[in-house]
Amino acid sequence: MAIVTITSDWSKQDYYAAALEGSLLGTASVYEISHNIQLFDVRMGMYVLKQAYKKFPAGSIHILAIQAQATDQMPMSVALYKGHYFITVNDGRLSLLFDGHPDWIRAVVHKEGTFSELEMYVKGVKAIVDGRLEDRTLPTEMRTETEQVPVAENDYILGQVVYIDSYGNAITNITKTLFEKIGKGRDFAVFLQGPYTRIEKISTHYTAVRPGQLVAVFNSAENLELAICMGNLALLENLNVYDQIHIQFYNHG
């Protein structure tokens, strides 16, 4: 049986997730990635889905149900990327979710209504499962959106927080590859919210420092992650998504 995952901001107190899961009974096995995405936060949903979908087998179908009201110009679409199917509105988000171009992308016929996306998700899933994509969907082009990338020069990197997890850890868009390319083994300081709060060492795990101390690690996705050992960094330092993170490298001698 096909595997379908759902990433949404629907919350368990509403009926939306159950309605979609019930509509797919007998068609697919449904797994929740998260229904606790912050309301309307598409980028948070994309980050969570991007980290999770690779752990599912090839051929899995992933629904991203956040602010996904389709229009004629931005239709609900099905895309195939690296052996996985994705169903969401084609408003530019897919270009940020993927690291390259999908194998193809096709549009599900648009229907008006306050919860019309439910029917379109089901149509998309059944078209994939039944092998009837060409009959039930239309060819379309992927809309694109500009991704926020770090600014890097010889002695510094300016990045930003892209996700804050439930522990208050701040994940940035600064990768290990970029850090090593610019840093070249030099001493450095990571500045949070101004010149006074800094981290001057990359650790291999969160408990490499004493409880209450700042720590920086490269997470499993090789993004720079900032935290407080046994504490909530975002709360204590008033960090939010899109806040700037500055890394300064130093030349000695």
Protein backbone atom coordinates (compact mmCIF):
# COMPACT_ATOMS: atom_id res chain seq x y z
CA MET A 1 0.00 0.00 0.00
CA ALA A 2 1.19 3.52 -0.80
CA ILE A 3 2.66 5.68 1.96
CA VAL A 4 1.32 9.22 2.42
CA THR A 5 2.73 11.77 4.88
CA ILE A 6 1.05 14.98 5.99
CA THR A 7 2.75 18.15 7.21
CA SER A 8 0.26 20.82 8.25
CA ASP A 9 -0.69 23.63 10.62
CA TRP A 10 -4.11 22.08 11.22
CA SER A 11 -3.73 21.16 14.92
CA LYS A 12 -5.30 18.04 16.38
CA GLN A 13 -8.27 19.93 17.86
CA ASP A 14 -9.77 20.44 14.38
CA TYR A 15 -11.26 17.84 12.05
CA TYR A 16 -9.12 18.64 8.99
CA ALA A 17 -6.41 16.01 9.51
CA ALA A 18 -8.93 13.29 10.37
CA ALA A 19 -11.02 14.16 7.30
CA LEU A 20 -8.02 13.76 5.01
CA GLU A 21 -6.85 10.57 6.70
CA GLY A 22 -10.36 9.10 6.48
CA SER A 23 -10.60 9.98 2.79
CA LEU A 24 -7.43 7.99 2.12
CA LEU A 25 -8.43 4.83 4.00
CA GLY A 26 -7.97 1.83 1.74
CA THR A 27 -5.82 3.85 -0.65
CA ALA A 28 -2.73 4.55 1.44
CA SER A 29 -1.12 4.23 4.83
CA VAL A 30 -1.04 7.75 6.29
CA TYR A 31 1.70 9.08 8.57
CA GLU A 32 1.83 12.41 10.35
CA ILE A 33 5.10 14.30 10.06
CA SER A 34 3.65 17.23 12.00
CA HIS A 35 0.32 18.97 12.52
CA ASN A 36 1.95 21.49 14.86
CA ILE A 37 3.52 23.85 12.32
CA GLN A 38 2.92 27.45 13.35
CA LEU A 39 -0.14 28.88 11.65
CA PHE A 40 0.51 29.95 8.04
CA ASP A 41 4.29 29.40 8.42
CA VAL A 42 5.06 27.77 5.08
CA ARG A 43 8.84 28.00 5.54
CA MET A 44 8.69 26.22 8.89
CA GLY A 45 6.63 23.46 7.28
CA MET A 46 9.08 23.16 4.40
CA TYR A 47 12.02 22.87 6.78
CA VAL A 48 10.35 20.11 8.79
CA LEU A 49 9.27 18.21 5.67
CA LYS A 50 12.69 18.59 4.03
CA GLN A 51 14.42 17.03 7.03
CA ALA A 52 11.91 14.18 7.35
CA TYR A 53 10.88 13.00 3.89
CA LYS A 54 14.22 11.40 3.04
CA LYS A 55 13.68 8.87 5.85
CA PHE A 56 10.62 7.48 4.06
CA PRO A 57 10.97 4.95 1.24
CA ALA A 58 11.12 6.02 -2.39
CA GLY A 59 7.66 6.31 -3.91
CA SER A 60 6.18 7.91 -0.78
CA ILE A 61 3.71 10.76 -1.26
CA HIS A 62 4.17 13.90 0.85
CA ILE A 63 1.37 16.43 1.37
CA LEU A 64 2.35 19.93 2.52
CA ALA A 65 -0.91 21.42 3.78
CA ILE A 66 -0.06 24.92 4.95
CA GLN A 67 -1.64 28.02 3.40
CA ALA A 68 -2.39 25.87 0.37
CA GLN A 69 -5.47 27.47 -1.17
CA ALA A 70 -5.13 26.83 -4.88
CA THR A 71 -5.97 29.28 -7.66
CA ASP A 72 -5.88 29.09 -11.44
CA GLN A 73 -2.51 30.86 -11.37
CA MET A 74 -1.13 28.83 -8.44
CA PRO A 75 -2.72 25.39 -8.77
CA MET A 76 -2.51 22.43 -6.45
CA SER A 77 0.23 20.35 -8.02
CA VAL A 78 1.95 16.98 -7.92
CA ALA A 79 5.73 16.90 -8.40
CA LEU A 80 8.23 14.04 -8.55
CA TYR A 81 11.63 14.75 -7.01
CA LYS A 82 14.34 12.21 -6.17
CA GLY A 83 11.87 9.34 -6.20
CA HIS A 84 9.32 11.03 -3.92
CA TYR A 85 5.97 12.60 -4.81
CA PHE A 86 4.96 15.97 -3.36
CA ILE A 87 1.48 17.49 -3.34
CA THR A 88 1.03 21.16 -2.46
CA VAL A 89 0.11 24.47 -4.03
CA ASN A 90 2.49 25.63 -6.78
CA ASP A 91 3.23 29.14 -5.51
CA GLY A 92 7.04 29.00 -5.48
CA ARG A 93 7.48 26.90 -2.35
CA LEU A 94 8.50 23.78 -4.27
CA SER A 95 11.53 25.59 -5.67
CA LEU A 96 12.66 26.18 -2.06
CA LEU A 97 11.79 22.68 -0.90
CA PHE A 98 13.86 21.05 -3.66
CA ASP A 99 17.60 21.46 -4.18
CA GLY A 100 17.12 21.20 -7.94
CA HIS A 101 14.46 20.78 -10.60
CA PRO A 102 11.80 18.08 -10.17
CA ASP A 103 11.50 15.31 -12.73
CA TRP A 104 8.11 16.75 -13.60
CA ILE A 105 5.23 18.74 -12.14
CA ARG A 106 1.51 18.48 -12.96
CA ALA A 107 -1.54 20.45 -11.82
CA VAL A 108 -4.64 19.02 -10.16
CA VAL A 109 -7.83 20.58 -11.57
CA HIS A 110 -8.80 23.54 -9.38
CA LYS A 111 -12.07 23.56 -7.45
CA GLU A 112 -13.53 26.47 -5.46
CA GLY A 113 -14.50 26.02 -1.82
CA THR A 114 -13.48 26.75 1.76
CA PHE A 115 -11.76 23.36 2.14
CA SER A 116 -11.42 22.40 -1.52
CA GLU A 117 -7.79 21.41 -0.99
CA LEU A 118 -8.99 18.26 0.81
CA GLU A 119 -10.54 16.94 -2.40
CA MET A 120 -7.50 17.98 -4.44
CA TYR A 121 -5.09 16.20 -2.08
CA VAL A 122 -7.16 13.04 -2.42
CA LYS A 123 -7.35 13.41 -6.22
CA GLY A 124 -3.59 13.82 -6.40
CA VAL A 125 -2.90 10.79 -4.23
CA LYS A 126 -5.33 8.58 -6.14
CA ALA A 127 -3.94 9.70 -9.50
CA ILE A 128 -0.48 8.58 -8.35
CA VAL A 129 -1.66 5.30 -6.81
CA ASP A 130 -3.84 4.42 -9.82
CA GLY A 131 -1.10 5.33 -12.31
CA ARG A 132 -3.45 7.85 -13.97
CA LEU A 133 -1.54 11.11 -13.62
CA GLU A 134 -1.66 11.91 -17.33
CA ASP A 135 -5.43 11.40 -17.40
CA ARG A 136 -6.29 13.27 -14.21
CA THR A 137 -3.76 16.12 -14.06
CA LEU A 138 -2.42 18.74 -16.44
CA PRO A 139 1.18 19.67 -17.27
CA THR A 140 2.38 22.89 -15.66
CA GLU A 141 5.57 24.81 -14.88
CA MET A 142 7.06 25.12 -11.41
CA ARG A 143 6.81 28.63 -10.04
CA THR A 144 10.00 29.83 -8.39
CA GLU A 145 10.86 31.94 -5.37
CA THR A 146 14.19 33.44 -4.35
CA GLU A 147 15.83 31.66 -1.44
CA GLN A 148 17.48 33.63 1.34
CA VAL A 149 21.14 32.57 1.30
CA PRO A 150 23.97 33.69 3.60
CA VAL A 151 26.21 36.58 2.61
CA ALA A 152 29.86 35.55 2.84
CA GLU A 153 33.08 37.52 2.42
CA ASN A 154 36.71 36.79 3.33
CA ASP A 155 36.31 37.37 7.07
CA TYR A 156 32.61 36.98 7.86
CA ILE A 157 29.33 35.22 7.18
CA LEU A 158 25.91 36.81 7.64
CA GLY A 159 23.18 34.20 7.89
CA GLN A 160 19.78 33.96 9.49
CA VAL A 161 17.69 31.73 11.71
CA VAL A 162 15.46 29.55 9.54
CA TYR A 163 13.83 27.34 12.18
CA ILE A 164 13.39 27.21 15.95
CA ASP A 165 12.61 23.77 17.33
CA SER A 166 10.50 22.87 20.36
CA TYR A 167 13.58 23.07 22.62
CA GLY A 168 14.24 26.67 21.60
CA ASN A 169 17.31 25.72 19.55
CA ALA A 170 17.94 28.02 16.58
CA ILE A 171 18.81 26.38 13.26
CA THR A 172 20.48 28.67 10.74
CA ASN A 173 21.00 28.62 6.99
CA ILE A 174 24.79 28.55 7.49
CA THR A 175 26.13 25.19 6.37
CA LYS A 176 29.21 23.38 7.57
CA THR A 177 30.63 23.52 4.05
CA LEU A 178 30.31 27.32 3.90
CA PHE A 179 31.70 27.74 7.42
CA GLU A 180 34.80 25.68 6.60
CA LYS A 181 35.27 27.35 3.21
CA ILE A 182 35.31 30.88 4.65
CA GLY A 183 36.83 30.05 8.03
CA LYS A 184 39.83 28.04 6.81
CA GLY A 185 40.50 26.88 10.36
CA ARG A 186 40.70 30.40 11.82
CA ASP A 187 39.43 31.55 15.21
CA PHE A 188 35.92 32.94 15.08
CA ALA A 189 32.99 34.29 17.05
CA VAL A 190 29.30 33.66 16.38
CA PHE A 191 27.31 36.73 17.42
CA LEU A 192 23.67 36.56 18.47
CA GLN A 193 21.59 39.72 18.70
CA GLY A 194 24.50 42.15 18.84
CA PRO A 195 28.17 42.25 19.88
CA TYR A 196 27.93 40.88 23.42
CA THR A 197 26.43 37.39 23.13
CA ARG A 198 28.94 35.20 21.34
CA ILE A 199 30.03 31.60 20.86
CA GLU A 200 33.67 30.90 19.99
CA LYS A 201 33.71 27.13 19.58
CA ILE A 202 31.90 24.48 17.56
CA SER A 203 30.99 21.49 19.72
CA THR A 204 30.10 17.95 18.68
CA HIS A 205 27.08 17.64 20.98
CA TYR A 206 24.78 19.79 23.12
CA THR A 207 26.20 18.64 26.46
CA ALA A 208 29.80 19.53 25.60
CA VAL A 209 29.30 22.60 27.80
CA ARG A 210 27.86 23.06 31.27
CA PRO A 211 24.09 23.54 31.74
CA GLY A 212 23.11 27.12 31.01
CA GLN A 213 26.02 27.79 28.65
CA LEU A 214 25.74 28.64 24.96
CA VAL A 215 26.68 25.92 22.49
CA ALA A 216 27.03 25.73 18.70
CA VAL A 217 26.89 22.47 16.74
CA PHE A 218 26.42 21.36 13.16
CA ASN A 219 23.24 19.29 13.18
CA SER A 220 22.43 16.16 11.20
CA ALA A 221 21.57 18.30 8.16
CA GLU A 222 24.98 20.04 8.55
CA ASN A 223 23.41 23.40 9.37
CA LEU A 224 24.78 25.53 12.18
CA GLU A 225 22.55 25.15 15.23
CA LEU A 226 22.73 27.39 18.29
CA ALA A 227 21.45 26.35 21.70
CA ILE A 228 21.74 26.62 25.46
CA CYS A 229 22.63 23.39 27.22
CA MET A 230 19.51 22.33 29.15
CA GLY A 231 17.86 25.65 28.32
CA ASN A 232 15.75 27.53 25.76
CA LEU A 233 17.95 29.81 23.65
CA ALA A 234 15.15 31.42 21.65
CA LEU A 235 13.29 32.41 24.80
CA LEU A 236 16.29 33.64 26.78
CA GLU A 237 17.91 35.54 23.91
CA ASN A 238 14.65 36.63 22.25
CA LEU A 239 15.65 34.94 18.99
CA ASN A 240 13.13 34.57 16.18
CA VAL A 241 13.04 33.09 12.70
CA TYR A 242 14.74 35.43 10.19
CA ASP A 243 16.95 37.04 12.87
CA GLN A 244 20.49 37.64 11.65
CA ILE A 245 23.44 35.52 12.78
CA HIS A 246 26.92 37.00 12.27
CA ILE A 247 30.12 34.94 12.23
CA GLN A 248 33.38 36.89 12.31
CA PHE A 249 36.70 35.20 11.51
CA TYR A 250 40.00 36.54 12.85
CA ASN A 251 43.48 36.70 11.37
CA HIS A 252 46.32 36.49 13.91
CA GLY A 253 49.92 37.46 13.47
